[in-house]
C-alpha atoms as a PDB file:
ATOM      1  CA  UNK A   1      11.926  -7.998 -20.958  1.00  0.00           C
ATOM      2  CA  UNK A   2       8.504  -8.029 -22.808  1.00  0.00           C
ATOM      3  CA  UNK A   3       8.794  -8.716 -26.612  1.00  0.00           C
ATOM      4  CA  UNK A   4       6.543  -6.415 -28.442  1.00  0.00           C
ATOM      5  CA  UNK A   5       6.992  -6.146 -32.285  1.00  0.00           C
ATOM      6  CA  UNK A   6       9.123  -7.873 -34.923  1.00  0.00           C
ATOM      7  CA  UNK A   7      12.481  -6.261 -33.897  1.00  0.00           C
ATOM      8  CA  UNK A   8      11.778  -4.005 -31.205  1.00  0.00           C
ATOM      9  CA  UNK A   9      11.412  -4.719 -27.335  1.00  0.00           C
ATOM     10  CA  UNK A  10      11.195  -2.960 -24.250  1.00  0.00           C
ATOM     11  CA  UNK A  11      13.264  -3.434 -21.037  1.00  0.00           C
ATOM     12  CA  UNK A  12      12.580  -1.785 -17.634  1.00  0.00           C
ATOM     13  CA  UNK A  13      15.431  -0.252 -15.558  1.00  0.00           C
ATOM     14  CA  UNK A  14      16.184  -0.337 -11.912  1.00  0.00           C
ATOM     15  CA  UNK A  15      14.609   3.258 -12.013  1.00  0.00           C
ATOM     16  CA  UNK A  16      11.618   1.913 -13.410  1.00  0.00           C
ATOM     17  CA  UNK A  17      11.945   3.404 -16.833  1.00  0.00           C
ATOM     18  CA  UNK A  18      11.060   1.479 -19.942  1.00  0.00           C
ATOM     19  CA  UNK A  19      13.656   1.835 -22.798  1.00  0.00           C
ATOM     20  CA  UNK A  20      13.184   0.576 -26.325  1.00  0.00           C
ATOM     21  CA  UNK A  21      15.903  -1.765 -27.553  1.00  0.00           C
ATOM     22  CA  UNK A  22      16.285  -3.339 -30.818  1.00  0.00           C
ATOM     23  CA  UNK A  23      16.144  -7.205 -30.879  1.00  0.00           C
ATOM     24  CA  UNK A  24      18.091  -9.090 -33.595  1.00  0.00           C
ATOM     25  CA  UNK A  25      15.821 -10.568 -36.453  1.00  0.00           C
ATOM     26  CA  UNK A  26      15.269 -14.328 -36.229  1.00  0.00           C
ATOM     27  CA  UNK A  27      17.886 -16.207 -38.213  1.00  0.00           C
ATOM     28  CA  UNK A  28      16.759 -17.410 -41.656  1.00  0.00           C
ATOM     29  CA  UNK A  29      17.548 -21.003 -42.511  1.00  0.00           C
ATOM     30  CA  UNK A  30      17.289 -22.446 -45.937  1.00  0.00           C
ATOM     31  CA  UNK A  31      14.911 -25.351 -45.967  1.00  0.00           C
ATOM     32  CA  UNK A  32      16.057 -28.277 -48.328  1.00  0.00           C
ATOM     33  CA  UNK A  33      13.049 -30.696 -47.238  1.00  0.00           C
ATOM     34  CA  UNK A  34       9.886 -29.845 -45.730  1.00  0.00           C
ATOM     35  CA  UNK A  35       9.362 -30.840 -42.185  1.00  0.00           C
ATOM     36  CA  UNK A  36       6.748 -33.557 -43.279  1.00  0.00           C
ATOM     37  CA  UNK A  37       6.991 -34.269 -46.981  1.00  0.00           C
ATOM     38  CA  UNK A  38       4.289 -37.118 -46.566  1.00  0.00           C
ATOM     39  CA  UNK A  39       6.216 -40.095 -48.266  1.00  0.00           C
ATOM     40  CA  UNK A  40       4.427 -43.417 -47.504  1.00  0.00           C
ATOM     41  CA  UNK A  41       7.563 -45.283 -46.730  1.00  0.00           C
ATOM     42  CA  UNK A  42       5.854 -48.292 -45.809  1.00  0.00           C
ATOM     43  CA  UNK A  43       4.295 -48.677 -48.990  1.00  0.00           C
ATOM     44  CA  UNK A  44       7.611 -49.641 -50.531  1.00  0.00           C
ATOM     45  CA  UNK A  45       9.136 -51.433 -47.870  1.00  0.00           C
ATOM     46  CA  UNK A  46       8.261 -55.089 -49.093  1.00  0.00           C
ATOM     47  CA  UNK A  47       9.902 -54.073 -52.531  1.00  0.00           C
ATOM     48  CA  UNK A  48      12.923 -52.709 -50.765  1.00  0.00           C
ATOM     49  CA  UNK A  49      13.520 -55.569 -48.338  1.00  0.00           C
ATOM     50  CA  UNK A  50      13.219 -58.074 -51.087  1.00  0.00           C
ATOM     51  CA  UNK A  51      15.734 -56.306 -53.281  1.00  0.00           C
ATOM     52  CA  UNK A  52      18.241 -55.704 -50.520  1.00  0.00           C
ATOM     53  CA  UNK A  53      18.116 -59.558 -49.326  1.00  0.00           C
ATOM     54  CA  UNK A  54      18.360 -60.764 -52.862  1.00  0.00           C
ATOM     55  CA  UNK A  55      21.725 -58.672 -53.019  1.00  0.00           C
ATOM     56  CA  UNK A  56      23.014 -60.170 -49.732  1.00  0.00           C
ATOM     57  CA  UNK A  57      22.102 -63.666 -51.077  1.00  0.00           C
ATOM     58  CA  UNK A  58      23.992 -62.790 -54.233  1.00  0.00           C
ATOM     59  CA  UNK A  59      27.180 -61.664 -52.328  1.00  0.00           C
ATOM     60  CA  UNK A  60      27.231 -64.500 -49.683  1.00  0.00           C
ATOM     61  CA  UNK A  61      27.009 -67.001 -52.759  1.00  0.00           C
ATOM     62  CA  UNK A  62      29.892 -65.358 -54.375  1.00  0.00           C
ATOM     63  CA  UNK A  63      31.730 -65.780 -50.907  1.00  0.00           C
ATOM     64  CA  UNK A  64      30.827 -69.408 -50.918  1.00  0.00           C
ATOM     65  CA  UNK A  65      31.631 -70.059 -54.671  1.00  0.00           C
ATOM     66  CA  UNK A  66      35.303 -68.421 -54.337  1.00  0.00           C
ATOM     67  CA  UNK A  67      35.720 -70.291 -51.093  1.00  0.00           C
ATOM     68  CA  UNK A  68      36.010 -67.061 -49.023  1.00  0.00           C
ATOM     69  CA  UNK A  69      36.395 -63.549 -49.067  1.00  0.00           C
ATOM     70  CA  UNK A  70      39.316 -61.778 -50.577  1.00  0.00           C
ATOM     71  CA  UNK A  71      41.415 -62.021 -47.475  1.00  0.00           C
ATOM     72  CA  UNK A  72      44.459 -59.816 -46.684  1.00  0.00           C
ATOM     73  CA  UNK A  73      47.627 -61.299 -45.325  1.00  0.00           C
ATOM     74  CA  UNK A  74      45.995 -60.474 -42.029  1.00  0.00           C
ATOM     75  CA  UNK A  75      43.623 -63.437 -42.210  1.00  0.00           C
ATOM     76  CA  UNK A  76      45.074 -65.461 -45.364  1.00  0.00           C
ATOM     77  CA  UNK A  77      48.616 -65.299 -44.124  1.00  0.00           C
ATOM     78  CA  UNK A  78      51.513 -65.071 -46.531  1.00  0.00           C
ATOM     79  CA  UNK A  79      55.377 -64.902 -46.713  1.00  0.00           C
ATOM     80  CA  UNK A  80      56.823 -62.476 -44.071  1.00  0.00           C
ATOM     81  CA  UNK A  81      60.330 -61.153 -44.481  1.00  0.00           C
ATOM     82  CA  UNK A  82      61.914 -59.141 -42.061  1.00  0.00           C
ATOM     83  CA  UNK A  83      65.016 -57.363 -42.820  1.00  0.00           C
ATOM     84  CA  UNK A  84      67.552 -55.425 -40.639  1.00  0.00           C
ATOM     85  CA  UNK A  85      69.386 -52.625 -42.226  1.00  0.00           C
ATOM     86  CA  UNK A  86      72.741 -51.528 -41.384  1.00  0.00           C
ATOM     87  CA  UNK A  87      71.624 -47.842 -41.736  1.00  0.00           C
ATOM     88  CA  UNK A  88      68.340 -46.271 -40.961  1.00  0.00           C
ATOM     89  CA  UNK A  89      66.208 -46.751 -43.913  1.00  0.00           C
ATOM     90  CA  UNK A  90      62.473 -45.570 -44.604  1.00  0.00           C
ATOM     91  CA  UNK A  91      59.545 -47.635 -45.201  1.00  0.00           C
ATOM     92  CA  UNK A  92      58.847 -45.395 -48.171  1.00  0.00           C
ATOM     93  CA  UNK A  93      62.258 -46.601 -49.691  1.00  0.00           C
ATOM     94  CA  UNK A  94      61.608 -50.186 -49.109  1.00  0.00           C
ATOM     95  CA  UNK A  95      58.166 -49.944 -50.758  1.00  0.00           C
ATOM     96  CA  UNK A  96      60.097 -48.290 -53.677  1.00  0.00           C
ATOM     97  CA  UNK A  97      62.661 -50.887 -53.978  1.00  0.00           C
ATOM     98  CA  UNK A  98      59.908 -53.635 -54.179  1.00  0.00           C
ATOM     99  CA  UNK A  99      57.683 -51.923 -56.532  1.00  0.00           C
ATOM    100  CA  UNK A 100      58.352 -54.497 -59.443  1.00  0.00           C
ATOM    101  CA  UNK A 101      55.891 -55.852 -61.777  1.00  0.00           C
ATOM    102  CA  UNK A 102      56.721 -59.429 -60.946  1.00  0.00           C
ATOM    103  CA  UNK A 103      56.194 -58.988 -56.985  1.00  0.00           C
ATOM    104  CA  UNK A 104      52.600 -58.760 -56.237  1.00  0.00           C
ATOM    105  CA  UNK A 105      50.643 -58.094 -53.138  1.00  0.00           C
ATOM    106  CA  UNK A 106      53.794 -56.839 -51.307  1.00  0.00           C
ATOM    107  CA  UNK A 107      52.877 -55.247 -47.826  1.00  0.00           C
ATOM    108  CA  UNK A 108      55.978 -53.584 -46.129  1.00  0.00           C
ATOM    109  CA  UNK A 109      55.219 -52.797 -42.484  1.00  0.00           C
ATOM    110  CA  UNK A 110      57.459 -52.176 -39.340  1.00  0.00           C
ATOM    111  CA  UNK A 111      55.566 -54.275 -36.993  1.00  0.00           C
ATOM    112  CA  UNK A 112      55.275 -58.081 -36.111  1.00  0.00           C
ATOM    113  CA  UNK A 113      53.192 -60.749 -38.067  1.00  0.00           C
ATOM    114  CA  UNK A 114      49.764 -61.012 -37.301  1.00  0.00           C
ATOM    115  CA  UNK A 115      47.434 -64.229 -36.643  1.00  0.00           C
ATOM    116  CA  UNK A 116      44.859 -65.369 -39.010  1.00  0.00           C
ATOM    117  CA  UNK A 117      42.601 -67.772 -37.628  1.00  0.00           C
ATOM    118  CA  UNK A 118      42.293 -66.230 -34.126  1.00  0.00           C
ATOM    119  CA  UNK A 119      42.023 -62.845 -35.621  1.00  0.00           C
ATOM    120  CA  UNK A 120      39.042 -63.971 -37.562  1.00  0.00           C
ATOM    121  CA  UNK A 121      37.325 -65.325 -34.761  1.00  0.00           C
ATOM    122  CA  UNK A 122      37.941 -62.391 -32.641  1.00  0.00           C
ATOM    123  CA  UNK A 123      36.545 -60.133 -35.421  1.00  0.00           C
ATOM    124  CA  UNK A 124      33.596 -62.108 -35.924  1.00  0.00           C
ATOM    125  CA  UNK A 125      32.854 -62.024 -32.080  1.00  0.00           C
ATOM    126  CA  UNK A 126      33.668 -58.236 -31.875  1.00  0.00           C
ATOM    127  CA  UNK A 127      31.129 -57.421 -34.640  1.00  0.00           C
ATOM    128  CA  UNK A 128      28.507 -59.741 -33.304  1.00  0.00           C
ATOM    129  CA  UNK A 129      29.020 -58.537 -29.630  1.00  0.00           C
ATOM    130  CA  UNK A 130      28.639 -54.831 -30.813  1.00  0.00           C
ATOM    131  CA  UNK A 131      25.394 -55.764 -32.624  1.00  0.00           C
ATOM    132  CA  UNK A 132      24.124 -57.561 -29.647  1.00  0.00           C
ATOM    133  CA  UNK A 133      24.988 -54.574 -26.972  1.00  0.00           C
ATOM    134  CA  UNK A 134      23.369 -51.964 -29.470  1.00  0.00           C
ATOM    135  CA  UNK A 135      20.255 -53.928 -29.830  1.00  0.00           C
ATOM    136  CA  UNK A 136      20.120 -54.723 -26.135  1.00  0.00           C
ATOM    137  CA  UNK A 137      20.585 -50.940 -25.458  1.00  0.00           C
ATOM    138  CA  UNK A 138      17.517 -49.915 -27.638  1.00  0.00           C
ATOM    139  CA  UNK A 139      15.285 -52.742 -26.296  1.00  0.00           C
ATOM    140  CA  UNK A 140      16.203 -51.415 -22.893  1.00  0.00           C
ATOM    141  CA  UNK A 141      15.956 -47.455 -24.050  1.00  0.00           C
ATOM    142  CA  UNK A 142      12.662 -47.896 -25.787  1.00  0.00           C
ATOM    143  CA  UNK A 143      10.805 -51.258 -26.174  1.00  0.00           C
ATOM    144  CA  UNK A 144      11.366 -54.829 -27.128  1.00  0.00           C
ATOM    145  CA  UNK A 145      10.201 -54.459 -30.671  1.00  0.00           C
ATOM    146  CA  UNK A 146      12.340 -51.505 -31.264  1.00  0.00           C
ATOM    147  CA  UNK A 147      15.434 -53.825 -29.984  1.00  0.00           C
ATOM    148  CA  UNK A 148      14.608 -56.495 -32.401  1.00  0.00           C
ATOM    149  CA  UNK A 149      14.266 -53.954 -35.200  1.00  0.00           C
ATOM    150  CA  UNK A 150      17.494 -52.611 -34.336  1.00  0.00           C
ATOM    151  CA  UNK A 151      19.147 -55.967 -34.186  1.00  0.00           C
ATOM    152  CA  UNK A 152      17.829 -57.029 -37.676  1.00  0.00           C
ATOM    153  CA  UNK A 153      18.920 -53.933 -39.310  1.00  0.00           C
ATOM    154  CA  UNK A 154      22.572 -54.166 -37.937  1.00  0.00           C
ATOM    155  CA  UNK A 155      22.928 -57.757 -39.157  1.00  0.00           C
ATOM    156  CA  UNK A 156      21.297 -56.690 -42.465  1.00  0.00           C
ATOM    157  CA  UNK A 157      23.801 -53.851 -42.745  1.00  0.00           C
ATOM    158  CA  UNK A 158      26.855 -56.123 -41.900  1.00  0.00           C
ATOM    159  CA  UNK A 159      25.704 -58.773 -44.227  1.00  0.00           C
ATOM    160  CA  UNK A 160      25.052 -56.262 -46.942  1.00  0.00           C
ATOM    161  CA  UNK A 161      28.400 -54.735 -46.544  1.00  0.00           C
ATOM    162  CA  UNK A 162      30.344 -58.100 -46.422  1.00  0.00           C
ATOM    163  CA  UNK A 163      28.179 -58.959 -49.724  1.00  0.00           C
ATOM    164  CA  UNK A 164      29.273 -55.737 -51.243  1.00  0.00           C
ATOM    165  CA  UNK A 165      32.908 -56.557 -50.639  1.00  0.00           C
ATOM    166  CA  UNK A 166      32.555 -59.948 -51.827  1.00  0.00           C
ATOM    167  CA  UNK A 167      30.879 -58.660 -55.343  1.00  0.00           C
ATOM    168  CA  UNK A 168      33.425 -55.848 -55.739  1.00  0.00           C
ATOM    169  CA  UNK A 169      36.257 -58.129 -54.749  1.00  0.00           C
ATOM    170  CA  UNK A 170      37.742 -55.879 -52.275  1.00  0.00           C
ATOM    171  CA  UNK A 171      40.414 -57.110 -49.844  1.00  0.00           C
ATOM    172  CA  UNK A 172      39.218 -57.923 -46.244  1.00  0.00           C
ATOM    173  CA  UNK A 173      41.808 -57.129 -43.754  1.00  0.00           C
ATOM    174  CA  UNK A 174      41.861 -55.706 -40.087  1.00  0.00           C
ATOM    175  CA  UNK A 175      41.036 -52.176 -41.350  1.00  0.00           C
ATOM    176  CA  UNK A 176      37.798 -53.702 -43.180  1.00  0.00           C
ATOM    177  CA  UNK A 177      36.899 -55.173 -39.651  1.00  0.00           C
ATOM    178  CA  UNK A 178      37.403 -51.717 -38.046  1.00  0.00           C
ATOM    179  CA  UNK A 179      34.990 -50.213 -40.707  1.00  0.00           C
ATOM    180  CA  UNK A 180      32.311 -52.977 -40.049  1.00  0.00           C
ATOM    181  CA  UNK A 181      32.442 -51.921 -36.391  1.00  0.00           C
ATOM    182  CA  UNK A 182      31.963 -48.226 -37.441  1.00  0.00           C
ATOM    183  CA  UNK A 183      28.951 -49.192 -39.457  1.00  0.00           C
ATOM    184  CA  UNK A 184      27.370 -50.855 -36.670  1.00  0.00           C
ATOM    185  CA  UNK A 185      27.778 -47.694 -34.516  1.00  0.00           C
ATOM    186  CA  UNK A 186      26.688 -45.419 -37.264  1.00  0.00           C
ATOM    187  CA  UNK A 187      23.509 -47.453 -38.179  1.00  0.00           C
ATOM    188  CA  UNK A 188      22.451 -47.733 -34.678  1.00  0.00           C
ATOM    189  CA  UNK A 189      22.609 -43.916 -34.124  1.00  0.00           C
ATOM    190  CA  UNK A 190      20.157 -43.135 -37.053  1.00  0.00           C
ATOM    191  CA  UNK A 191      17.777 -45.980 -35.758  1.00  0.00           C
ATOM    192  CA  UNK A 192      17.671 -44.363 -32.453  1.00  0.00           C
ATOM    193  CA  UNK A 193      16.777 -40.955 -33.871  1.00  0.00           C
ATOM    194  CA  UNK A 194      13.665 -42.544 -35.591  1.00  0.00           C
ATOM    195  CA  UNK A 195      12.780 -44.783 -32.788  1.00  0.00           C
ATOM    196  CA  UNK A 196      12.832 -41.606 -30.466  1.00  0.00           C
ATOM    197  CA  UNK A 197      10.657 -39.705 -32.773  1.00  0.00           C
ATOM    198  CA  UNK A 198       8.133 -42.812 -33.132  1.00  0.00           C
ATOM    199  CA  UNK A 199       8.106 -42.864 -29.297  1.00  0.00           C
ATOM    200  CA  UNK A 200       7.198 -39.137 -28.967  1.00  0.00           C
ATOM    201  CA  UNK A 201       4.398 -39.508 -31.552  1.00  0.00           C
ATOM    202  CA  UNK A 202       2.863 -42.617 -29.925  1.00  0.00           C
ATOM    203  CA  UNK A 203       2.529 -40.279 -26.844  1.00  0.00           C
ATOM    204  CA  UNK A 204       0.959 -37.405 -28.618  1.00  0.00           C
ATOM    205  CA  UNK A 205      -1.147 -39.181 -31.286  1.00  0.00           C
ATOM    206  CA  UNK A 206      -2.666 -42.024 -29.432  1.00  0.00           C
ATOM    207  CA  UNK A 207      -5.764 -42.646 -31.866  1.00  0.00           C
ATOM    208  CA  UNK A 208      -3.291 -42.940 -34.820  1.00  0.00           C
ATOM    209  CA  UNK A 209      -2.195 -46.510 -36.244  1.00  0.00           C
ATOM    210  CA  UNK A 210       1.370 -47.445 -35.750  1.00  0.00           C
ATOM    211  CA  UNK A 211       2.051 -47.641 -39.361  1.00  0.00           C
ATOM    212  CA  UNK A 212       0.708 -44.056 -39.832  1.00  0.00           C
ATOM    213  CA  UNK A 213       3.033 -42.952 -36.920  1.00  0.00           C
ATOM    214  CA  UNK A 214       6.054 -44.670 -38.408  1.00  0.00           C
ATOM    215  CA  UNK A 215       5.432 -42.917 -41.671  1.00  0.00           C
ATOM    216  CA  UNK A 216       5.206 -39.629 -39.990  1.00  0.00           C
ATOM    217  CA  UNK A 217       8.389 -40.119 -37.844  1.00  0.00           C
ATOM    218  CA  UNK A 218      10.221 -41.027 -40.633  1.00  0.00           C
ATOM    219  CA  UNK A 219       9.221 -37.972 -42.616  1.00  0.00           C
ATOM    220  CA  UNK A 220       9.693 -35.687 -39.855  1.00  0.00           C
ATOM    221  CA  UNK A 221      13.502 -36.731 -39.399  1.00  0.00           C
ATOM    222  CA  UNK A 222      14.188 -37.268 -43.196  1.00  0.00           C
ATOM    223  CA  UNK A 223      15.655 -33.819 -43.543  1.00  0.00           C
ATOM    224  CA  UNK A 224      18.162 -34.267 -40.491  1.00  0.00           C
ATOM    225  CA  UNK A 225      18.953 -37.746 -41.860  1.00  0.00           C
ATOM    226  CA  UNK A 226      19.950 -36.429 -45.425  1.00  0.00           C
ATOM    227  CA  UNK A 227      21.828 -33.522 -44.204  1.00  0.00           C
ATOM    228  CA  UNK A 228      23.712 -35.420 -41.328  1.00  0.00           C
ATOM    229  CA  UNK A 229      24.199 -38.776 -43.061  1.00  0.00           C
ATOM    230  CA  UNK A 230      24.715 -37.036 -46.379  1.00  0.00           C
ATOM    231  CA  UNK A 231      27.732 -35.277 -45.125  1.00  0.00           C
ATOM    232  CA  UNK A 232      29.095 -38.358 -43.650  1.00  0.00           C
ATOM    233  CA  UNK A 233      28.687 -40.226 -47.045  1.00  0.00           C
ATOM    234  CA  UNK A 234      30.368 -37.446 -49.020  1.00  0.00           C
ATOM    235  CA  UNK A 235      33.418 -37.491 -46.708  1.00  0.00           C
ATOM    236  CA  UNK A 236      33.614 -41.333 -46.999  1.00  0.00           C
ATOM    237  CA  UNK A 237      33.073 -40.831 -50.950  1.00  0.00           C
ATOM    238  CA  UNK A 238      36.064 -38.513 -51.077  1.00  0.00           C
ATOM    239  CA  UNK A 239      38.038 -40.939 -48.740  1.00  0.00           C
ATOM    240  CA  UNK A 240      37.439 -43.862 -51.196  1.00  0.00           C
ATOM    241  CA  UNK A 241      38.250 -41.908 -54.501  1.00  0.00           C
ATOM    242  CA  UNK A 242      41.554 -39.908 -53.105  1.00  0.00           C
ATOM    243  CA  UNK A 243      42.647 -42.052 -49.897  1.00  0.00           C
ATOM    244  CA  UNK A 244      44.972 -44.050 -52.047  1.00  0.00           C
ATOM    245  CA  UNK A 245      45.148 -47.912 -51.975  1.00  0.00           C
ATOM    246  CA  UNK A 246      46.194 -48.428 -48.518  1.00  0.00           C
ATOM    247  CA  UNK A 247      42.979 -47.610 -46.935  1.00  0.00           C
ATOM    248  CA  UNK A 248      40.827 -48.343 -50.162  1.00  0.00           C
ATOM    249  CA  UNK A 249      38.904 -51.251 -48.719  1.00  0.00           C
ATOM    250  CA  UNK A 250      38.399 -49.352 -45.236  1.00  0.00           C
ATOM    251  CA  UNK A 251      36.823 -46.408 -46.976  1.00  0.00           C
ATOM    252  CA  UNK A 252      34.590 -48.692 -49.279  1.00  0.00           C
ATOM    253  CA  UNK A 253      33.426 -50.632 -46.301  1.00  0.00           C
ATOM    254  CA  UNK A 254      32.389 -47.347 -44.704  1.00  0.00           C
ATOM    255  CA  UNK A 255      30.855 -45.671 -47.894  1.00  0.00           C
ATOM    256  CA  UNK A 256      28.707 -48.870 -48.433  1.00  0.00           C
ATOM    257  CA  UNK A 257      27.847 -49.223 -44.650  1.00  0.00           C
ATOM    258  CA  UNK A 258      26.902 -45.616 -44.265  1.00  0.00           C
ATOM    259  CA  UNK A 259      24.588 -45.739 -47.126  1.00  0.00           C
ATOM    260  CA  UNK A 260      22.816 -49.132 -46.275  1.00  0.00           C
ATOM    261  CA  UNK A 261      22.813 -47.963 -42.622  1.00  0.00           C
ATOM    262  CA  UNK A 262      20.764 -44.927 -43.538  1.00  0.00           C
ATOM    263  CA  UNK A 263      18.482 -47.100 -45.863  1.00  0.00           C
ATOM    264  CA  UNK A 264      18.199 -49.801 -43.139  1.00  0.00           C
ATOM    265  CA  UNK A 265      16.707 -47.338 -40.377  1.00  0.00           C
ATOM    266  CA  UNK A 266      14.000 -46.498 -42.732  1.00  0.00           C
ATOM    267  CA  UNK A 267      13.216 -49.746 -44.615  1.00  0.00           C
ATOM    268  CA  UNK A 268      14.454 -52.585 -42.199  1.00  0.00           C
ATOM    269  CA  UNK A 269      14.204 -51.487 -38.595  1.00  0.00           C
ATOM    270  CA  UNK A 270      10.735 -49.676 -38.852  1.00  0.00           C
ATOM    271  CA  UNK A 271       8.778 -52.209 -40.898  1.00  0.00           C
ATOM    272  CA  UNK A 272      10.167 -54.734 -37.969  1.00  0.00           C
ATOM    273  CA  UNK A 273       8.726 -52.648 -35.239  1.00  0.00           C
ATOM    274  CA  UNK A 274       5.361 -52.730 -37.097  1.00  0.00           C
ATOM    275  CA  UNK A 275       5.515 -56.555 -37.717  1.00  0.00           C
ATOM    276  CA  UNK A 276       6.457 -57.269 -34.309  1.00  0.00           C
ATOM    277  CA  UNK A 277       3.241 -54.982 -32.878  1.00  0.00           C
ATOM    278  CA  UNK A 278       1.062 -56.959 -35.463  1.00  0.00           C
ATOM    279  CA  UNK A 279       2.570 -60.170 -34.264  1.00  0.00           C
ATOM    280  CA  UNK A 280       1.697 -59.436 -30.863  1.00  0.00           C
ATOM    281  CA  UNK A 281      -1.911 -58.726 -31.612  1.00  0.00           C
ATOM    282  CA  UNK A 282      -1.532 -55.059 -30.962  1.00  0.00           C
ATOM    283  CA  UNK A 283      -4.444 -52.856 -31.879  1.00  0.00           C
ATOM    284  CA  UNK A 284      -2.137 -49.966 -33.381  1.00  0.00           C
END
């Protein structure tokens, strides 16, 4: 088929005749952000890095001052009362019966007790192992400097989220650990997108400096970042506001983690890549 003008094309039949056929007009998409808004992200990177690490230090200082996070019964332990009923009784009825002002922090569940110290150690190892594996993948997929940048960004995201949990005095339980692991996967996803665009531009624009290419790459992926990450943040925000107290800490972890994961891909991982290049004495 040979394309002629706008919405008209010609096609040749088996008998050799040419027939005019109408082609559908190209779809029209509303562009929220231009493909390259030209924002100098690296210019503000030092201020952003200092600000977030000050927040992390403040949160960790709060953890030290209070002697730990606001651990749930999963980690802190507590009194576990197991009751057997003569007739089938729903968990909702039990919760309603125990909903008295003098009974605080009551958790009704139909599973067995959970172990605190071993659980905390396993949760910490799970987060560290996930971070290490993600950074190793990026280092293998792209370059060592990208792997180091991803590792620093992931550690930053976990620490920032923990600091936010401490400052907000949110309960830290098993669902919070699941949220942290989700944040690690989400953060590295956005880092991979930006790293891949940087690698493409390194091949196409060999004469440009690495700083210029990083800014260009972040600008080129900014619209995609805002649309996709903004959707995830909107959903987790609704989950935090409307999901109820049972998943309050989990939704808060996701909300803070998704926001800081978007931020760290731009202001943590990318500047680390540039620092590694200059530290190695690269000409770009």
